Amino acid sequence: MLFFSHCLGFVLDFVHFRYQYCKARSAFSAAVQLVCVVRPTPSVTHLPSRTPLSLHREVVPSAEDLSEKRLLACPCPGASCKWEGPLEAILPHLAASHHSVVRLRGESVVFLATNVHLPGSAGWVTVQSCLGHHFVLVLEKQVRQEGHQRFLAFVLLLGTSRQAQGFSYRLLLNGKRRRLSWEATPRGVAEGPASSSLSTDSLVFDTVMAQTFTNNGSLAIKVTISSS
């Protein structure tokens, strides 16, 4: 009976995620082939792994940037991960310690964050590989003073700040007769998620705006990365 219950739970989860996948695909152009369904946890997001993360030679940082010589924090938002290491060790760290962070390939993907309506701080994270580099896509919900909540969405390059200047990214949220678009230059991972959260380099919106674009508690964000 216990085995049957586990199997039934697995089937129901699969059907739910397949439904969310189809909803995200229908919200954007059919040209977008990759959809990542990401579930939240307090401070750091996890999702059953689909594509193993690996370090590729194309992301070797510039020797001219001193940031590659110092220890960097984990790019996942929140304070639960205390890891620090050099730039070239970030992807191996994600593969070893954040098994559920998925890597998507392609210049345009759909990042589907589920359960964004649940109370409390949370983060949704995935990795997008394109144009010879790896980018960290982050959606973070912060609880401010007096319970006010806000969302921040931004992209970090797994590279130096100088390399990041060669790229731009576009975030697109689609709703019924509504569209919200944001374009910016990614930050280098050496600057950390906190720098994007405190700067104008992230898309910031409140829970009212989030509800405008959510469907059954899920928020679909189309992410397009291009070279400048």
Protein backbone atom coordinates (compact mmCIF):
# COMPACT_ATOMS: atom_id res chain seq x y z
CA MET A 1 0.00 0.00 0.00
CA LEU A 2 2.88 2.36 0.83
CA PHE A 3 4.54 1.61 -2.50
CA PHE A 4 1.25 2.29 -4.31
CA SER A 5 0.89 5.63 -2.49
CA HIS A 6 4.40 6.70 -3.56
CA CYS A 7 3.70 5.73 -7.18
CA LEU A 8 0.41 7.63 -7.15
CA GLY A 9 2.13 10.72 -5.74
CA PHE A 10 4.78 10.55 -8.46
CA VAL A 11 2.14 10.29 -11.19
CA LEU A 12 0.19 13.25 -9.81
CA ASP A 13 3.36 15.38 -9.63
CA PHE A 14 4.22 14.47 -13.20
CA VAL A 15 0.74 15.41 -14.44
CA HIS A 16 0.90 18.71 -12.55
CA PHE A 17 4.30 19.66 -13.96
CA ARG A 18 3.25 18.64 -17.46
CA TYR A 19 0.23 20.93 -17.12
CA GLN A 20 2.44 23.81 -15.94
CA TYR A 21 4.82 23.15 -18.83
CA CYS A 22 2.01 23.37 -21.38
CA LYS A 23 0.65 26.56 -19.82
CA ALA A 24 4.08 28.20 -20.02
CA ARG A 25 4.56 27.13 -23.63
CA SER A 26 1.17 28.56 -24.58
CA ALA A 27 2.03 31.93 -23.01
CA PHE A 28 5.00 32.52 -25.29
CA SER A 29 6.13 31.99 -28.84
CA ALA A 30 6.34 28.43 -30.09
CA ALA A 31 9.95 29.19 -30.99
CA VAL A 32 10.85 28.89 -27.30
CA GLN A 33 11.54 25.20 -26.88
CA LEU A 34 12.90 25.02 -23.32
CA VAL A 35 10.72 25.38 -20.23
CA CYS A 36 12.10 24.91 -16.73
CA VAL A 37 9.60 24.32 -13.91
CA VAL A 38 11.16 25.47 -10.64
CA ARG A 39 9.71 24.96 -7.18
CA PRO A 40 10.63 27.23 -4.25
CA THR A 41 12.20 26.57 -0.88
CA PRO A 42 13.01 29.09 1.84
CA SER A 43 16.02 31.05 0.55
CA VAL A 44 17.32 28.46 -2.01
CA THR A 45 15.35 26.69 -4.74
CA HIS A 46 15.67 23.00 -5.64
CA LEU A 47 14.25 20.97 -8.52
CA PRO A 48 14.85 17.34 -9.55
CA SER A 49 17.90 17.45 -11.79
CA ARG A 50 17.48 17.00 -15.54
CA THR A 51 20.81 18.05 -17.00
CA PRO A 52 24.07 17.50 -15.13
CA LEU A 53 26.04 20.70 -14.60
CA SER A 54 29.60 20.72 -15.88
CA LEU A 55 32.34 23.27 -16.32
CA HIS A 56 33.21 24.16 -19.90
CA ARG A 57 36.40 25.73 -21.10
CA GLU A 58 34.57 28.61 -22.73
CA VAL A 59 33.82 30.21 -19.34
CA VAL A 60 37.47 30.60 -18.30
CA PRO A 61 37.60 34.14 -16.86
CA SER A 62 39.81 36.95 -18.07
CA ALA A 63 43.20 37.06 -16.42
CA GLU A 64 42.88 40.84 -16.30
CA ASP A 65 40.04 40.73 -13.77
CA LEU A 66 41.20 40.42 -10.18
CA SER A 67 37.83 39.02 -9.08
CA GLU A 68 38.82 35.57 -10.35
CA LYS A 69 41.59 35.40 -7.74
CA ARG A 70 39.39 35.87 -4.67
CA LEU A 71 36.77 33.70 -3.04
CA LEU A 72 33.23 34.21 -4.29
CA ALA A 73 29.92 33.39 -2.60
CA CYS A 74 27.37 30.92 -3.92
CA PRO A 75 25.13 32.71 -6.47
CA CYS A 76 21.94 31.21 -4.99
CA PRO A 77 19.96 33.83 -3.03
CA GLY A 78 19.49 33.58 0.70
CA ALA A 79 21.82 32.82 3.55
CA SER A 80 21.47 29.04 3.82
CA CYS A 81 24.52 28.25 1.66
CA LYS A 82 27.79 29.43 3.21
CA TRP A 83 30.03 28.11 0.42
CA GLU A 84 32.86 30.27 -0.93
CA GLY A 85 35.29 29.45 -3.68
CA PRO A 86 37.04 30.64 -6.84
CA LEU A 87 35.13 31.53 -9.98
CA GLU A 88 35.97 28.32 -11.80
CA ALA A 89 34.59 26.24 -8.90
CA ILE A 90 31.06 27.69 -8.90
CA LEU A 91 29.54 25.26 -11.43
CA PRO A 92 31.11 22.21 -9.74
CA HIS A 93 29.73 23.53 -6.44
CA LEU A 94 26.23 23.83 -7.89
CA ALA A 95 26.49 20.30 -9.27
CA ALA A 96 27.72 18.89 -5.95
CA SER A 97 25.65 20.85 -3.42
CA HIS A 98 22.58 22.08 -5.32
CA HIS A 99 21.68 18.92 -7.19
CA SER A 100 18.33 20.30 -8.26
CA VAL A 101 19.55 23.44 -10.03
CA VAL A 102 18.75 22.68 -13.67
CA ARG A 103 20.75 23.85 -16.66
CA LEU A 104 18.89 24.89 -19.81
CA ARG A 105 20.52 25.43 -23.19
CA GLY A 106 19.55 28.15 -25.62
CA GLU A 107 19.40 31.91 -25.95
CA SER A 108 15.65 31.99 -25.15
CA VAL A 109 14.11 29.87 -22.42
CA VAL A 110 11.04 30.01 -20.18
CA PHE A 111 11.71 30.05 -16.47
CA LEU A 112 8.55 28.85 -14.69
CA ALA A 113 8.50 29.55 -10.94
CA THR A 114 5.80 27.69 -9.03
CA ASN A 115 4.04 28.56 -5.76
CA VAL A 116 5.03 32.22 -5.87
CA HIS A 117 1.93 33.01 -3.83
CA LEU A 118 3.11 31.15 -0.72
CA PRO A 119 4.08 33.39 2.23
CA GLY A 120 7.65 34.03 3.30
CA SER A 121 10.96 34.61 1.54
CA ALA A 122 11.88 32.22 -1.26
CA GLY A 123 14.17 31.86 -4.26
CA TRP A 124 13.94 30.25 -7.68
CA VAL A 125 17.20 29.52 -9.53
CA THR A 126 18.33 27.86 -12.74
CA VAL A 127 21.32 28.04 -15.11
CA GLN A 128 21.06 29.05 -18.77
CA SER A 129 23.90 28.04 -21.11
CA CYS A 130 24.29 29.92 -24.38
CA LEU A 131 26.71 32.02 -26.41
CA GLY A 132 29.65 30.11 -24.95
CA HIS A 133 28.88 31.09 -21.34
CA HIS A 134 26.69 30.18 -18.38
CA PHE A 135 24.17 32.53 -16.79
CA VAL A 136 22.35 32.20 -13.46
CA LEU A 137 18.67 33.15 -13.61
CA VAL A 138 17.35 34.28 -10.25
CA LEU A 139 13.85 35.13 -9.02
CA GLU A 140 13.82 36.11 -5.37
CA LYS A 141 10.93 37.03 -3.08
CA GLN A 142 11.89 39.24 -0.17
CA VAL A 143 9.83 40.08 2.89
CA ARG A 144 10.43 43.70 3.82
CA GLN A 145 9.37 45.71 6.85
CA GLU A 146 5.79 45.30 8.09
CA GLY A 147 5.35 42.19 5.95
CA HIS A 148 5.64 43.98 2.61
CA GLN A 149 6.83 41.55 -0.07
CA ARG A 150 8.62 42.26 -3.32
CA PHE A 151 10.03 40.17 -6.15
CA LEU A 152 13.37 40.68 -7.85
CA ALA A 153 14.38 39.01 -11.12
CA PHE A 154 17.88 39.30 -12.55
CA VAL A 155 20.63 37.47 -14.42
CA LEU A 156 24.23 36.88 -13.35
CA LEU A 157 27.03 35.83 -15.68
CA LEU A 158 29.31 33.08 -14.43
CA GLY A 159 32.28 35.17 -15.44
CA THR A 160 33.94 38.47 -14.76
CA SER A 161 32.33 41.90 -14.70
CA ARG A 162 34.22 42.80 -17.86
CA GLN A 163 32.84 39.77 -19.68
CA ALA A 164 29.32 40.62 -18.50
CA GLN A 165 29.48 43.95 -20.32
CA GLY A 166 29.41 42.04 -23.59
CA PHE A 167 25.89 40.70 -23.01
CA SER A 168 22.37 41.90 -22.40
CA TYR A 169 19.27 40.09 -21.26
CA ARG A 170 15.54 40.58 -21.61
CA LEU A 171 12.86 39.36 -19.19
CA LEU A 172 9.31 39.09 -20.47
CA LEU A 173 6.16 38.42 -18.46
CA ASN A 174 2.94 37.75 -20.37
CA GLY A 175 -0.57 38.03 -18.99
CA LYS A 176 -4.08 38.45 -20.31
CA ARG A 177 -3.82 41.60 -22.45
CA ARG A 178 -0.76 42.62 -20.41
CA ARG A 179 2.96 42.42 -21.00
CA LEU A 180 5.91 43.46 -18.83
CA SER A 181 9.38 43.65 -20.37
CA TRP A 182 12.74 44.41 -18.78
CA GLU A 183 16.15 44.75 -20.45
CA ALA A 184 19.49 45.13 -18.71
CA THR A 185 23.14 44.10 -18.68
CA PRO A 186 23.91 41.11 -16.44
CA ARG A 187 26.20 41.49 -13.47
CA GLY A 188 29.31 39.39 -13.16
CA VAL A 189 28.93 36.71 -10.50
CA ALA A 190 31.83 38.31 -8.60
CA GLU A 191 29.51 41.19 -7.77
CA GLY A 192 27.08 38.72 -6.20
CA PRO A 193 23.27 38.48 -6.05
CA ALA A 194 23.15 41.19 -3.38
CA SER A 195 24.56 43.79 -5.77
CA SER A 196 21.77 43.13 -8.27
CA SER A 197 19.14 43.17 -5.53
CA LEU A 198 20.28 46.57 -4.31
CA SER A 199 20.87 48.11 -7.72
CA THR A 200 18.80 49.06 -10.73
CA ASP A 201 20.01 45.95 -12.55
CA SER A 202 17.01 43.85 -11.55
CA LEU A 203 13.33 43.79 -12.36
CA VAL A 204 11.45 44.69 -9.17
CA PHE A 205 7.70 44.22 -8.71
CA ASP A 206 5.29 43.71 -5.82
CA THR A 207 2.80 40.93 -5.09
CA VAL A 208 -0.03 42.79 -6.81
CA MET A 209 1.95 42.90 -10.04
CA ALA A 210 2.98 39.28 -9.60
CA GLN A 211 -0.66 38.21 -9.31
CA THR A 212 -1.35 39.94 -12.62
CA PHE A 213 0.96 37.50 -14.41
CA THR A 214 0.59 34.32 -12.35
CA ASN A 215 -1.50 31.34 -13.38
CA ASN A 216 -2.48 28.92 -10.60
CA GLY A 217 0.36 30.21 -8.46
CA SER A 218 3.01 29.89 -11.19
CA LEU A 219 4.91 32.75 -12.81
CA ALA A 220 6.40 32.22 -16.27
CA ILE A 221 9.31 34.46 -17.30
CA LYS A 222 10.80 34.31 -20.78
CA VAL A 223 14.54 34.96 -20.59
CA THR A 224 16.45 36.00 -23.73
CA ILE A 225 20.19 36.58 -23.66
CA SER A 226 22.08 38.25 -26.50
CA SER A 227 25.57 39.52 -27.15
CA SER A 228 25.96 43.30 -27.15
